[in-house]
């Protein structure tokens, strides 16, 4: 069997290559979305309640930290101005 020369290799245009790439990307994203959708399980109500409480606590802590940062910068600004 003779070796194939470079002339025997099909040549694709840029448009054909882009179409093939987009088709592959669509296929991969579709398979990924299908796998992720089927992997979701129902979370018990206790876990949902705990996560909601945790979110509220985290927001409280974040607010306190933000207020502390603002107070430090305000103190620095006042000291610099005087």
Foldseek 3Di string as FASTA:
>chain_A
DDDDDPVPDDDDDPVVVVVVVVVVVVVVVVVVVVVVVVPDDDDDPVVVVVVVVVVVVVVVVVVVVVVVVVVVVVVVVVVVVD
